[in-house]
Amino acid sequence: MEPWNQTQRIPKGHVAVYVGEEERKRYLLPISLLNHPCFQDLLDRAEEEYGFNQPKGGLTIPCNEEAFIDLACRLQSFVKGHGSRR
């Protein structure tokens, strides 16, 4: 998973998220991962820390970059292996 250039359009089925403790980087996340319980925990923390008014035009996740990348890659592998269950 690589940072996403801010000038590029967000593809259908994805959401922009900003992660990092010092410097925030923008990543694209498949929407299918948002319903996973592990990611729901991050969304709850984001709501507690930043609320719903997030000025960067994407969702800011209160997580260090390495932990986010690790979680996102594991969840993507899980979804690919088991299909997206809703």
C-alpha atoms as a PDB file:
ATOM      1  CA  MET A   1       0.000   0.000   0.000  1.00  0.00           C
ATOM      2  CA  GLU A   2       1.504   3.288  -1.140  1.00  0.00           C
ATOM      3  CA  PRO A   3       0.516   6.891  -0.317  1.00  0.00           C
ATOM      4  CA  TRP A   4      -1.918   8.368  -2.864  1.00  0.00           C
ATOM      5  CA  ASN A   5      -1.122  11.607  -4.665  1.00  0.00           C
ATOM      6  CA  GLN A   6      -3.569  14.308  -3.578  1.00  0.00           C
ATOM      7  CA  THR A   7      -4.049  15.562  -7.121  1.00  0.00           C
ATOM      8  CA  GLN A   8      -5.280  12.183  -8.374  1.00  0.00           C
ATOM      9  CA  ARG A   9      -8.993  11.409  -8.390  1.00  0.00           C
ATOM     10  CA  ILE A  10     -10.340   8.876  -5.950  1.00  0.00           C
ATOM     11  CA  PRO A  11     -11.533   5.776  -7.826  1.00  0.00           C
ATOM     12  CA  LYS A  12     -15.068   4.529  -7.371  1.00  0.00           C
ATOM     13  CA  GLY A  13     -15.383   2.195  -4.390  1.00  0.00           C
ATOM     14  CA  HIS A  14     -12.582   3.847  -2.389  1.00  0.00           C
ATOM     15  CA  VAL A  15     -12.272   6.488   0.312  1.00  0.00           C
ATOM     16  CA  ALA A  16      -9.324   8.783   1.078  1.00  0.00           C
ATOM     17  CA  VAL A  17      -7.866   8.459   4.566  1.00  0.00           C
ATOM     18  CA  TYR A  18      -5.066  10.411   6.230  1.00  0.00           C
ATOM     19  CA  VAL A  19      -2.774   8.590   8.631  1.00  0.00           C
ATOM     20  CA  GLY A  20       0.421   9.308  10.503  1.00  0.00           C
ATOM     21  CA  GLU A  21       1.401  10.819  13.817  1.00  0.00           C
ATOM     22  CA  GLU A  22       3.741  13.610  12.714  1.00  0.00           C
ATOM     23  CA  GLU A  23       3.180  13.957   8.995  1.00  0.00           C
ATOM     24  CA  ARG A  24      -0.147  12.738   7.664  1.00  0.00           C
ATOM     25  CA  LYS A  25      -0.114  10.847   4.377  1.00  0.00           C
ATOM     26  CA  ARG A  26      -3.110  10.173   2.176  1.00  0.00           C
ATOM     27  CA  TYR A  27      -4.058   6.593   1.348  1.00  0.00           C
ATOM     28  CA  LEU A  28      -6.912   5.064  -0.586  1.00  0.00           C
ATOM     29  CA  LEU A  29      -8.896   2.403   1.167  1.00  0.00           C
ATOM     30  CA  PRO A  30     -11.497   0.150  -0.452  1.00  0.00           C
ATOM     31  CA  ILE A  31     -14.904   0.932   1.007  1.00  0.00           C
ATOM     32  CA  SER A  32     -15.430  -2.791   1.607  1.00  0.00           C
ATOM     33  CA  LEU A  33     -12.954  -2.629   4.509  1.00  0.00           C
ATOM     34  CA  LEU A  34     -14.908   0.009   6.425  1.00  0.00           C
ATOM     35  CA  ASN A  35     -17.384  -2.551   7.798  1.00  0.00           C
ATOM     36  CA  HIS A  36     -14.734  -4.855   9.235  1.00  0.00           C
ATOM     37  CA  PRO A  37     -14.763  -4.832  13.083  1.00  0.00           C
ATOM     38  CA  CYS A  38     -11.027  -4.026  13.279  1.00  0.00           C
ATOM     39  CA  PHE A  39     -11.499  -0.996  11.090  1.00  0.00           C
ATOM     40  CA  GLN A  40     -14.648  -0.005  12.964  1.00  0.00           C
ATOM     41  CA  ASP A  41     -12.452   0.434  16.058  1.00  0.00           C
ATOM     42  CA  LEU A  42     -10.292   2.928  14.140  1.00  0.00           C
ATOM     43  CA  LEU A  43     -13.394   4.768  12.924  1.00  0.00           C
ATOM     44  CA  ASP A  44     -14.675   5.039  16.496  1.00  0.00           C
ATOM     45  CA  ARG A  45     -11.308   6.445  17.605  1.00  0.00           C
ATOM     46  CA  ALA A  46     -11.351   8.904  14.687  1.00  0.00           C
ATOM     47  CA  GLU A  47     -14.803  10.107  15.719  1.00  0.00           C
ATOM     48  CA  GLU A  48     -13.709  10.547  19.340  1.00  0.00           C
ATOM     49  CA  GLU A  49     -10.515  12.403  18.440  1.00  0.00           C
ATOM     50  CA  TYR A  50     -11.553  14.473  15.402  1.00  0.00           C
ATOM     51  CA  GLY A  51     -15.346  14.377  15.250  1.00  0.00           C
ATOM     52  CA  PHE A  52     -17.205  14.394  11.961  1.00  0.00           C
ATOM     53  CA  ASN A  53     -15.905  17.756  10.688  1.00  0.00           C
ATOM     54  CA  GLN A  54     -12.608  16.820   9.060  1.00  0.00           C
ATOM     55  CA  PRO A  55     -11.218  19.638   6.918  1.00  0.00           C
ATOM     56  CA  LYS A  56      -8.728  17.708   4.732  1.00  0.00           C
ATOM     57  CA  GLY A  57     -11.413  16.255   2.460  1.00  0.00           C
ATOM     58  CA  GLY A  58     -10.793  12.733   3.702  1.00  0.00           C
ATOM     59  CA  LEU A  59     -11.035  10.752   6.880  1.00  0.00           C
ATOM     60  CA  THR A  60      -8.224  11.299   9.405  1.00  0.00           C
ATOM     61  CA  ILE A  61      -7.330   8.103  11.251  1.00  0.00           C
ATOM     62  CA  PRO A  62      -5.583   8.382  14.654  1.00  0.00           C
ATOM     63  CA  CYS A  63      -3.018   5.668  13.962  1.00  0.00           C
ATOM     64  CA  ASN A  64       0.647   5.516  13.079  1.00  0.00           C
ATOM     65  CA  GLU A  65       1.365   4.830   9.434  1.00  0.00           C
ATOM     66  CA  GLU A  66       3.000   1.410   9.886  1.00  0.00           C
ATOM     67  CA  ALA A  67       0.127   0.052  11.983  1.00  0.00           C
ATOM     68  CA  PHE A  68      -2.432   1.347   9.458  1.00  0.00           C
ATOM     69  CA  ILE A  69      -0.617  -0.204   6.488  1.00  0.00           C
ATOM     70  CA  ASP A  70      -0.285  -3.520   8.328  1.00  0.00           C
ATOM     71  CA  LEU A  71      -3.981  -3.587   9.246  1.00  0.00           C
ATOM     72  CA  ALA A  72      -5.164  -2.489   5.791  1.00  0.00           C
ATOM     73  CA  CYS A  73      -3.025  -5.108   4.024  1.00  0.00           C
ATOM     74  CA  ARG A  74      -4.209  -7.880   6.352  1.00  0.00           C
ATOM     75  CA  LEU A  75      -7.849  -6.870   5.888  1.00  0.00           C
ATOM     76  CA  GLN A  76      -7.480  -6.682   2.094  1.00  0.00           C
ATOM     77  CA  SER A  77      -5.986 -10.192   2.076  1.00  0.00           C
ATOM     78  CA  PHE A  78      -8.839 -11.429   4.264  1.00  0.00           C
ATOM     79  CA  VAL A  79     -11.501  -9.858   2.036  1.00  0.00           C
ATOM     80  CA  LYS A  80      -9.877 -11.260  -1.124  1.00  0.00           C
ATOM     81  CA  GLY A  81      -9.650 -14.716   0.438  1.00  0.00           C
ATOM     82  CA  HIS A  82     -13.206 -14.768   1.790  1.00  0.00           C
ATOM     83  CA  GLY A  83     -15.086 -12.482  -0.569  1.00  0.00           C
ATOM     84  CA  SER A  84     -16.719  -9.283   0.630  1.00  0.00           C
ATOM     85  CA  ARG A  85     -19.427 -10.203   3.096  1.00  0.00           C
ATOM     86  CA  ARG A  86     -21.968  -7.554   3.937  1.00  0.00           C
END
